[in-house]
Amino acid sequence: MNTTDQQQQGESTESISPDVENTPVEVNIEPAGTLAALPPANGTTNTTEEWKEWGQQVKQILAELPDYIGQFFSDNQRAIISLGLLFGGIVSLKLILAVLDAVNDIPLLAPTFELVGVGYTTWFVYRYLLQASTRQELSEEIKNFKGQVLGQDSQIS
């Protein structure tokens, strides 16, 4: 290289960054695997106080929750019981239908039940419906059953 090239190269490095050599650089040497701690951000204490305030509100709501539930139940007791009975009835009906469907899928069991049903119906007709005296006996038994279910004093015909 000639001297003019060296002079131009020297001038170009000085003109590009003359302050680089004079800028102090801080180097923090810590053991490997540790992270440098960040300075706290502005407003950190406000967010901590906000979280504490939210925590107090949640704690108060959870402390009063049993009282709210008890008050709601006492105010709406009949409606809740009615809904519970309705739900229980629907679940029971579905369960009974599922059991009957499962029993109906068993070979020879469904025709056997049909034969039992036909036999009982035939016996019932022969026992209670063919003669007038047995029809009157059936009528008395039905009245007695109504009296037991509805009470002895009820006069429902």
N, C-alpha and C. Protein backbone atom coordinates (compact mmCIF):
# COMPACT_ATOMS: atom_id res chain seq x y z
N MET A 1 0.84 -1.18 0.00
CA MET A 1 0.00 0.00 0.00
C MET A 1 0.88 1.24 0.00
N ASN A 2 0.35 2.16 -0.64
CA ASN A 2 1.14 3.39 -0.63
C ASN A 2 0.67 4.31 0.48
N THR A 3 1.37 5.34 0.67
CA THR A 3 1.11 6.24 1.79
C THR A 3 -0.16 7.02 1.63
N THR A 4 -0.56 7.29 0.40
CA THR A 4 -1.81 8.04 0.20
C THR A 4 -2.99 7.19 0.60
N ASP A 5 -2.90 5.89 0.28
CA ASP A 5 -3.99 5.00 0.70
C ASP A 5 -4.07 4.93 2.22
N GLN A 6 -2.94 4.86 2.87
CA GLN A 6 -2.94 4.80 4.34
C GLN A 6 -3.48 6.09 4.93
N GLN A 7 -3.18 7.19 4.33
CA GLN A 7 -3.68 8.47 4.84
C GLN A 7 -5.19 8.55 4.64
N GLN A 8 -5.67 8.10 3.48
CA GLN A 8 -7.11 8.14 3.24
C GLN A 8 -7.85 7.17 4.18
N GLN A 9 -7.25 6.02 4.42
CA GLN A 9 -7.87 5.05 5.30
C GLN A 9 -7.89 5.58 6.72
N GLY A 10 -6.90 6.18 7.16
CA GLY A 10 -6.84 6.78 8.49
C GLY A 10 -7.84 7.90 8.64
N GLU A 11 -7.98 8.71 7.63
CA GLU A 11 -8.95 9.80 7.68
C GLU A 11 -10.38 9.26 7.68
N SER A 12 -10.61 8.19 6.91
CA SER A 12 -11.98 7.67 6.84
C SER A 12 -12.41 7.07 8.17
N THR A 13 -11.50 6.39 8.90
CA THR A 13 -11.90 5.82 10.18
C THR A 13 -12.10 6.90 11.21
N GLU A 14 -11.35 7.94 11.14
CA GLU A 14 -11.54 9.04 12.08
C GLU A 14 -12.81 9.80 11.78
N SER A 15 -13.20 9.93 10.55
CA SER A 15 -14.39 10.70 10.20
C SER A 15 -15.67 9.90 10.46
N ILE A 16 -15.57 8.57 10.45
CA ILE A 16 -16.78 7.78 10.67
C ILE A 16 -17.17 7.80 12.13
N SER A 17 -16.27 7.51 13.02
CA SER A 17 -16.63 7.48 14.43
C SER A 17 -15.48 8.02 15.28
N PRO A 18 -15.43 9.29 15.39
CA PRO A 18 -14.33 9.84 16.19
C PRO A 18 -14.54 9.66 17.69
N ASP A 19 -15.83 9.50 18.16
CA ASP A 19 -16.09 9.40 19.60
C ASP A 19 -16.07 7.97 20.12
N VAL A 20 -15.91 6.98 19.25
CA VAL A 20 -15.97 5.60 19.67
C VAL A 20 -14.83 5.28 20.62
N GLU A 21 -13.69 5.80 20.36
CA GLU A 21 -12.54 5.50 21.21
C GLU A 21 -12.67 6.15 22.57
N ASN A 22 -13.41 7.22 22.69
CA ASN A 22 -13.51 7.96 23.95
C ASN A 22 -14.75 7.58 24.77
N THR A 23 -15.67 6.74 24.23
CA THR A 23 -16.89 6.40 24.94
C THR A 23 -16.60 5.31 25.97
N PRO A 24 -16.96 5.55 27.25
CA PRO A 24 -16.71 4.52 28.26
C PRO A 24 -17.77 3.40 28.15
N VAL A 25 -17.37 2.18 28.27
CA VAL A 25 -18.25 1.02 28.20
C VAL A 25 -18.20 0.31 29.53
N GLU A 26 -19.42 0.06 30.10
CA GLU A 26 -19.48 -0.67 31.36
C GLU A 26 -19.72 -2.14 31.06
N VAL A 27 -18.92 -2.98 31.63
CA VAL A 27 -19.06 -4.41 31.44
C VAL A 27 -19.31 -5.03 32.80
N ASN A 28 -20.42 -5.77 32.90
CA ASN A 28 -20.78 -6.42 34.15
C ASN A 28 -20.44 -7.90 34.00
N ILE A 29 -19.50 -8.35 34.74
CA ILE A 29 -19.08 -9.74 34.65
C ILE A 29 -19.69 -10.49 35.82
N GLU A 30 -20.57 -11.44 35.49
CA GLU A 30 -21.23 -12.26 36.50
C GLU A 30 -21.00 -13.72 36.14
N PRO A 31 -21.18 -14.61 37.11
CA PRO A 31 -21.01 -16.03 36.78
C PRO A 31 -22.02 -16.47 35.72
N ALA A 32 -21.67 -17.47 34.95
CA ALA A 32 -22.53 -17.95 33.88
C ALA A 32 -23.82 -18.52 34.46
N GLY A 33 -24.92 -18.29 33.75
CA GLY A 33 -26.20 -18.83 34.17
C GLY A 33 -27.04 -17.89 35.01
N THR A 34 -26.55 -16.74 35.37
CA THR A 34 -27.36 -15.80 36.15
C THR A 34 -27.82 -14.68 35.25
N LEU A 35 -28.96 -14.18 35.57
CA LEU A 35 -29.51 -13.07 34.80
C LEU A 35 -29.33 -11.79 35.58
N ALA A 36 -29.09 -10.75 34.87
CA ALA A 36 -28.94 -9.45 35.52
C ALA A 36 -30.31 -8.98 36.00
N ALA A 37 -30.35 -8.43 37.18
CA ALA A 37 -31.60 -7.94 37.74
C ALA A 37 -31.97 -6.65 37.05
N LEU A 38 -33.24 -6.55 36.67
CA LEU A 38 -33.72 -5.34 36.04
C LEU A 38 -34.14 -4.35 37.11
N PRO A 39 -33.98 -3.10 36.84
CA PRO A 39 -34.44 -2.10 37.82
C PRO A 39 -35.96 -2.11 37.83
N PRO A 40 -36.59 -1.78 38.97
CA PRO A 40 -38.05 -1.79 39.03
C PRO A 40 -38.63 -0.74 38.08
N ALA A 41 -39.71 -1.13 37.42
CA ALA A 41 -40.37 -0.21 36.50
C ALA A 41 -41.15 0.83 37.29
N ASN A 42 -41.39 1.95 36.67
CA ASN A 42 -42.17 3.01 37.31
C ASN A 42 -43.61 2.52 37.49
N GLY A 43 -44.20 2.74 38.64
CA GLY A 43 -45.58 2.37 38.91
C GLY A 43 -45.72 0.95 39.45
N THR A 44 -44.64 0.31 39.82
CA THR A 44 -44.72 -1.05 40.34
C THR A 44 -45.47 -1.07 41.67
N THR A 45 -45.25 -0.09 42.49
CA THR A 45 -45.93 -0.06 43.78
C THR A 45 -47.43 0.12 43.59
N ASN A 46 -47.85 0.84 42.57
CA ASN A 46 -49.28 1.02 42.32
C ASN A 46 -49.93 -0.30 41.93
N THR A 47 -49.27 -1.08 41.08
CA THR A 47 -49.88 -2.35 40.68
C THR A 47 -49.93 -3.32 41.85
N THR A 48 -48.94 -3.29 42.72
CA THR A 48 -48.95 -4.15 43.89
C THR A 48 -50.11 -3.78 44.81
N GLU A 49 -50.32 -2.49 44.99
CA GLU A 49 -51.44 -2.04 45.82
C GLU A 49 -52.77 -2.40 45.17
N GLU A 50 -52.85 -2.31 43.83
CA GLU A 50 -54.08 -2.69 43.14
C GLU A 50 -54.36 -4.18 43.33
N TRP A 51 -53.32 -5.00 43.26
CA TRP A 51 -53.51 -6.44 43.46
C TRP A 51 -53.96 -6.74 44.89
N LYS A 52 -53.39 -6.03 45.84
CA LYS A 52 -53.82 -6.22 47.23
C LYS A 52 -55.28 -5.83 47.40
N GLU A 53 -55.69 -4.74 46.76
CA GLU A 53 -57.08 -4.29 46.85
C GLU A 53 -58.02 -5.32 46.21
N TRP A 54 -57.64 -5.84 45.05
CA TRP A 54 -58.44 -6.89 44.40
C TRP A 54 -58.52 -8.13 45.30
N GLY A 55 -57.42 -8.49 45.90
CA GLY A 55 -57.39 -9.66 46.79
C GLY A 55 -58.33 -9.47 47.97
N GLN A 56 -58.36 -8.28 48.54
CA GLN A 56 -59.27 -8.00 49.65
C GLN A 56 -60.73 -8.11 49.21
N GLN A 57 -61.04 -7.59 48.00
CA GLN A 57 -62.42 -7.68 47.50
C GLN A 57 -62.83 -9.12 47.27
N VAL A 58 -61.94 -9.90 46.68
CA VAL A 58 -62.25 -11.31 46.43
C VAL A 58 -62.42 -12.05 47.76
N LYS A 59 -61.56 -11.76 48.72
CA LYS A 59 -61.64 -12.40 50.03
C LYS A 59 -62.98 -12.06 50.71
N GLN A 60 -63.42 -10.82 50.59
CA GLN A 60 -64.68 -10.41 51.19
C GLN A 60 -65.87 -11.11 50.51
N ILE A 61 -65.83 -11.22 49.18
CA ILE A 61 -66.92 -11.88 48.46
C ILE A 61 -66.98 -13.36 48.83
N LEU A 62 -65.82 -14.02 48.91
CA LEU A 62 -65.80 -15.44 49.27
C LEU A 62 -66.24 -15.66 50.71
N ALA A 63 -65.97 -14.71 51.59
CA ALA A 63 -66.41 -14.84 52.98
C ALA A 63 -67.92 -14.71 53.09
N GLU A 64 -68.54 -13.89 52.23
CA GLU A 64 -69.98 -13.67 52.29
C GLU A 64 -70.76 -14.63 51.39
N LEU A 65 -70.08 -15.47 50.62
CA LEU A 65 -70.74 -16.37 49.67
C LEU A 65 -71.72 -17.33 50.34
N PRO A 66 -71.40 -17.98 51.46
CA PRO A 66 -72.40 -18.87 52.08
C PRO A 66 -73.67 -18.14 52.48
N ASP A 67 -73.54 -16.91 52.96
CA ASP A 67 -74.73 -16.13 53.32
C ASP A 67 -75.58 -15.83 52.09
N TYR A 68 -74.91 -15.46 50.97
CA TYR A 68 -75.65 -15.19 49.73
C TYR A 68 -76.39 -16.43 49.25
N ILE A 69 -75.73 -17.58 49.28
CA ILE A 69 -76.34 -18.82 48.82
C ILE A 69 -77.51 -19.20 49.72
N GLY A 70 -77.34 -19.09 51.03
CA GLY A 70 -78.42 -19.40 51.96
C GLY A 70 -79.62 -18.49 51.77
N GLN A 71 -79.37 -17.23 51.57
CA GLN A 71 -80.47 -16.27 51.34
C GLN A 71 -81.18 -16.58 50.03
N PHE A 72 -80.42 -16.88 48.98
CA PHE A 72 -81.01 -17.22 47.68
C PHE A 72 -81.87 -18.47 47.80
N PHE A 73 -81.37 -19.50 48.51
CA PHE A 73 -82.13 -20.74 48.66
C PHE A 73 -83.41 -20.50 49.46
N SER A 74 -83.33 -19.72 50.53
CA SER A 74 -84.54 -19.48 51.33
C SER A 74 -85.56 -18.64 50.57
N ASP A 75 -85.09 -17.73 49.71
CA ASP A 75 -86.03 -16.93 48.91
C ASP A 75 -86.69 -17.74 47.81
N ASN A 76 -85.98 -18.69 47.23
CA ASN A 76 -86.47 -19.42 46.06
C ASN A 76 -86.58 -20.92 46.34
N GLN A 77 -86.93 -21.28 47.55
CA GLN A 77 -86.92 -22.69 47.95
C GLN A 77 -87.90 -23.54 47.13
N ARG A 78 -89.11 -23.07 46.93
CA ARG A 78 -90.10 -23.86 46.20
C ARG A 78 -89.69 -24.04 44.74
N ALA A 79 -89.19 -22.99 44.12
CA ALA A 79 -88.78 -23.10 42.71
C ALA A 79 -87.59 -24.04 42.56
N ILE A 80 -86.64 -23.97 43.48
CA ILE A 80 -85.46 -24.83 43.41
C ILE A 80 -85.87 -26.29 43.60
N ILE A 81 -86.75 -26.55 44.55
CA ILE A 81 -87.21 -27.92 44.78
C ILE A 81 -87.99 -28.43 43.56
N SER A 82 -88.82 -27.58 42.98
CA SER A 82 -89.58 -27.99 41.78
C SER A 82 -88.64 -28.32 40.63
N LEU A 83 -87.65 -27.47 40.41
CA LEU A 83 -86.68 -27.74 39.35
C LEU A 83 -85.89 -29.02 39.62
N GLY A 84 -85.54 -29.25 40.88
CA GLY A 84 -84.81 -30.46 41.24
C GLY A 84 -85.65 -31.71 40.99
N LEU A 85 -86.92 -31.65 41.37
CA LEU A 85 -87.81 -32.80 41.12
C LEU A 85 -88.02 -33.03 39.64
N LEU A 86 -88.17 -31.96 38.88
CA LEU A 86 -88.33 -32.09 37.43
C LEU A 86 -87.08 -32.72 36.82
N PHE A 87 -85.93 -32.24 37.21
CA PHE A 87 -84.66 -32.79 36.71
C PHE A 87 -84.52 -34.26 37.11
N GLY A 88 -84.85 -34.57 38.36
CA GLY A 88 -84.77 -35.96 38.83
C GLY A 88 -85.74 -36.86 38.08
N GLY A 89 -86.94 -36.36 37.78
CA GLY A 89 -87.91 -37.14 37.02
C GLY A 89 -87.43 -37.42 35.61
N ILE A 90 -86.84 -36.43 34.98
CA ILE A 90 -86.32 -36.62 33.62
C ILE A 90 -85.19 -37.63 33.61
N VAL A 91 -84.28 -37.52 34.58
CA VAL A 91 -83.17 -38.46 34.66
C VAL A 91 -83.69 -39.87 34.94
N SER A 92 -84.67 -40.00 35.83
CA SER A 92 -85.24 -41.32 36.14
C SER A 92 -85.92 -41.93 34.92
N LEU A 93 -86.67 -41.12 34.18
CA LEU A 93 -87.34 -41.61 32.99
C LEU A 93 -86.33 -42.09 31.95
N LYS A 94 -85.28 -41.32 31.74
CA LYS A 94 -84.24 -41.74 30.78
C LYS A 94 -83.57 -43.03 31.24
N LEU A 95 -83.33 -43.15 32.53
CA LEU A 95 -82.69 -44.36 33.07
C LEU A 95 -83.60 -45.58 32.89
N ILE A 96 -84.87 -45.42 33.17
CA ILE A 96 -85.82 -46.53 33.01
C ILE A 96 -85.91 -46.95 31.54
N LEU A 97 -85.97 -45.96 30.64
CA LEU A 97 -86.03 -46.29 29.22
C LEU A 97 -84.76 -46.99 28.75
N ALA A 98 -83.62 -46.59 29.28
CA ALA A 98 -82.36 -47.25 28.91
C ALA A 98 -82.33 -48.69 29.40
N VAL A 99 -82.82 -48.93 30.62
CA VAL A 99 -82.85 -50.29 31.16
C VAL A 99 -83.82 -51.15 30.36
N LEU A 100 -84.98 -50.62 30.03
CA LEU A 100 -85.94 -51.37 29.23
C LEU A 100 -85.40 -51.68 27.84
N ASP A 101 -84.69 -50.73 27.25
CA ASP A 101 -84.10 -50.98 25.95
C ASP A 101 -83.03 -52.07 26.03
N ALA A 102 -82.25 -52.05 27.10
CA ALA A 102 -81.23 -53.08 27.28
C ALA A 102 -81.87 -54.45 27.49
N VAL A 103 -82.94 -54.51 28.27
CA VAL A 103 -83.64 -55.78 28.50
C VAL A 103 -84.29 -56.26 27.21
N ASN A 104 -84.81 -55.34 26.42
CA ASN A 104 -85.47 -55.70 25.17
C ASN A 104 -84.49 -56.29 24.16
N ASP A 105 -83.22 -55.95 24.27
CA ASP A 105 -82.21 -56.46 23.34
C ASP A 105 -81.77 -57.89 23.67
N ILE A 106 -82.15 -58.41 24.84
CA ILE A 106 -81.77 -59.77 25.21
C ILE A 106 -82.66 -60.74 24.44
N PRO A 107 -82.06 -61.68 23.72
CA PRO A 107 -82.88 -62.61 22.92
C PRO A 107 -83.82 -63.44 23.81
N LEU A 108 -85.02 -63.68 23.32
CA LEU A 108 -86.08 -64.47 23.94
C LEU A 108 -86.65 -63.87 25.22
N LEU A 109 -86.07 -62.80 25.73
CA LEU A 109 -86.62 -62.20 26.95
C LEU A 109 -87.84 -61.34 26.63
N ALA A 110 -87.78 -60.56 25.54
CA ALA A 110 -88.91 -59.72 25.16
C ALA A 110 -90.15 -60.56 24.84
N PRO A 111 -90.03 -61.62 24.03
CA PRO A 111 -91.25 -62.43 23.79
C PRO A 111 -91.78 -63.10 25.05
N THR A 112 -90.88 -63.45 25.97
CA THR A 112 -91.32 -64.05 27.22
C THR A 112 -92.14 -63.05 28.04
N PHE A 113 -91.66 -61.80 28.11
CA PHE A 113 -92.41 -60.77 28.82
C PHE A 113 -93.76 -60.51 28.15
N GLU A 114 -93.80 -60.56 26.83
CA GLU A 114 -95.08 -60.38 26.14
C GLU A 114 -96.05 -61.50 26.50
N LEU A 115 -95.57 -62.72 26.56
CA LEU A 115 -96.43 -63.84 26.94
C LEU A 115 -96.94 -63.70 28.37
N VAL A 116 -96.07 -63.25 29.27
CA VAL A 116 -96.48 -63.02 30.66
C VAL A 116 -97.55 -61.94 30.71
N GLY A 117 -97.37 -60.87 29.93
CA GLY A 117 -98.36 -59.79 29.89
C GLY A 117 -99.69 -60.25 29.36
N VAL A 118 -99.67 -61.04 28.29
CA VAL A 118 -100.92 -61.56 27.72
C VAL A 118 -101.60 -62.50 28.72
N GLY A 119 -100.81 -63.33 29.39
CA GLY A 119 -101.37 -64.24 30.38
C GLY A 119 -102.00 -63.50 31.54
N TYR A 120 -101.34 -62.45 32.06
CA TYR A 120 -101.90 -61.69 33.18
C TYR A 120 -103.16 -60.96 32.75
N THR A 121 -103.17 -60.40 31.55
CA THR A 121 -104.37 -59.71 31.06
C THR A 121 -105.54 -60.68 30.95
N THR A 122 -105.28 -61.87 30.45
CA THR A 122 -106.33 -62.88 30.34
C THR A 122 -106.86 -63.25 31.72
N TRP A 123 -105.99 -63.46 32.68
CA TRP A 123 -106.42 -63.79 34.04
C TRP A 123 -107.23 -62.65 34.64
N PHE A 124 -106.79 -61.38 34.45
CA PHE A 124 -107.49 -60.22 35.01
C PHE A 124 -108.90 -60.12 34.45
N VAL A 125 -109.03 -60.30 33.12
CA VAL A 125 -110.35 -60.23 32.49
C VAL A 125 -111.24 -61.34 33.04
N TYR A 126 -110.74 -62.55 33.13
CA TYR A 126 -111.52 -63.67 33.65
C TYR A 126 -111.89 -63.47 35.11
N ARG A 127 -110.95 -62.94 35.91
CA ARG A 127 -111.17 -62.81 37.36
C ARG A 127 -112.10 -61.65 37.70
N TYR A 128 -111.94 -60.49 37.04
CA TYR A 128 -112.65 -59.29 37.48
C TYR A 128 -113.69 -58.75 36.51
N LEU A 129 -113.66 -59.05 35.23
CA LEU A 129 -114.51 -58.34 34.28
C LEU A 129 -115.63 -59.18 33.67
N LEU A 130 -115.60 -60.47 33.76
CA LEU A 130 -116.63 -61.28 33.09
C LEU A 130 -117.96 -61.29 33.84
N GLN A 131 -117.95 -61.34 35.15
CA GLN A 131 -119.19 -61.44 35.92
C GLN A 131 -119.47 -60.13 36.63
N ALA A 132 -120.74 -59.84 36.85
CA ALA A 132 -121.15 -58.58 37.48
C ALA A 132 -120.69 -58.52 38.92
N SER A 133 -120.73 -59.62 39.64
CA SER A 133 -120.32 -59.60 41.05
C SER A 133 -118.81 -59.32 41.18
N THR A 134 -118.03 -59.82 40.29
CA THR A 134 -116.58 -59.57 40.37
C THR A 134 -116.24 -58.15 39.93
N ARG A 135 -117.06 -57.58 38.99
CA ARG A 135 -116.86 -56.17 38.61
C ARG A 135 -117.16 -55.27 39.80
N GLN A 136 -118.21 -55.60 40.57
CA GLN A 136 -118.54 -54.82 41.76
C GLN A 136 -117.43 -54.95 42.80
N GLU A 137 -116.85 -56.11 42.94
CA GLU A 137 -115.72 -56.33 43.86
C GLU A 137 -114.52 -55.47 43.45
N LEU A 138 -114.24 -55.41 42.14
CA LEU A 138 -113.14 -54.58 41.63
C LEU A 138 -113.40 -53.10 41.92
N SER A 139 -114.67 -52.68 41.76
CA SER A 139 -115.03 -51.29 42.04
C SER A 139 -114.81 -50.96 43.51
N GLU A 140 -115.16 -51.85 44.40
CA GLU A 140 -114.93 -51.64 45.84
C GLU A 140 -113.43 -51.57 46.15
N GLU A 141 -112.64 -52.41 45.54
CA GLU A 141 -111.18 -52.39 45.76
C GLU A 141 -110.57 -51.07 45.29
N ILE A 142 -111.05 -50.56 44.15
CA ILE A 142 -110.55 -49.28 43.64
C ILE A 142 -110.92 -48.15 44.59
N LYS A 143 -112.16 -48.16 45.12
CA LYS A 143 -112.58 -47.12 46.08
C LYS A 143 -111.74 -47.19 47.36
N ASN A 144 -111.48 -48.40 47.84
CA ASN A 144 -110.64 -48.55 49.04
C ASN A 144 -109.22 -48.02 48.79
N PHE A 145 -108.69 -48.31 47.61
CA PHE A 145 -107.34 -47.82 47.27
C PHE A 145 -107.31 -46.30 47.21
N LYS A 146 -108.34 -45.67 46.61
CA LYS A 146 -108.43 -44.21 46.58
C LYS A 146 -108.49 -43.65 47.99
N GLY A 147 -109.25 -44.30 48.86
CA GLY A 147 -109.36 -43.84 50.25
C GLY A 147 -108.02 -43.93 50.97
N GLN A 148 -107.27 -44.97 50.71
CA GLN A 148 -105.96 -45.10 51.35
C GLN A 148 -104.97 -44.06 50.83
N VAL A 149 -105.00 -43.78 49.54
CA VAL A 149 -104.05 -42.84 48.96
C VAL A 149 -104.42 -41.40 49.28
N LEU A 150 -105.70 -41.06 49.10
CA LEU A 150 -106.13 -39.68 49.29
C LEU A 150 -106.59 -39.37 50.71
N GLY A 151 -106.81 -40.36 51.50
CA GLY A 151 -107.29 -40.16 52.87
C GLY A 151 -108.70 -40.70 53.00
N GLN A 152 -109.07 -41.16 54.19
CA GLN A 152 -110.36 -41.79 54.42
C GLN A 152 -111.52 -40.81 54.31
N ASP A 153 -111.27 -39.51 54.61
CA ASP A 153 -112.37 -38.54 54.63
C ASP A 153 -112.70 -37.99 53.25
N SER A 154 -111.86 -38.21 52.26
CA SER A 154 -112.10 -37.64 50.94
C SER A 154 -113.23 -38.40 50.23
N GLN A 155 -114.15 -37.68 49.67
CA GLN A 155 -115.31 -38.26 49.00
C GLN A 155 -115.20 -38.03 47.50
N ILE A 156 -114.26 -38.66 46.86
CA ILE A 156 -114.08 -38.52 45.40
C ILE A 156 -114.67 -39.75 44.75
N SER A 157 -115.60 -39.55 43.80
CA SER A 157 -116.26 -40.67 43.12
C SER A 157 -115.57 -40.97 41.82
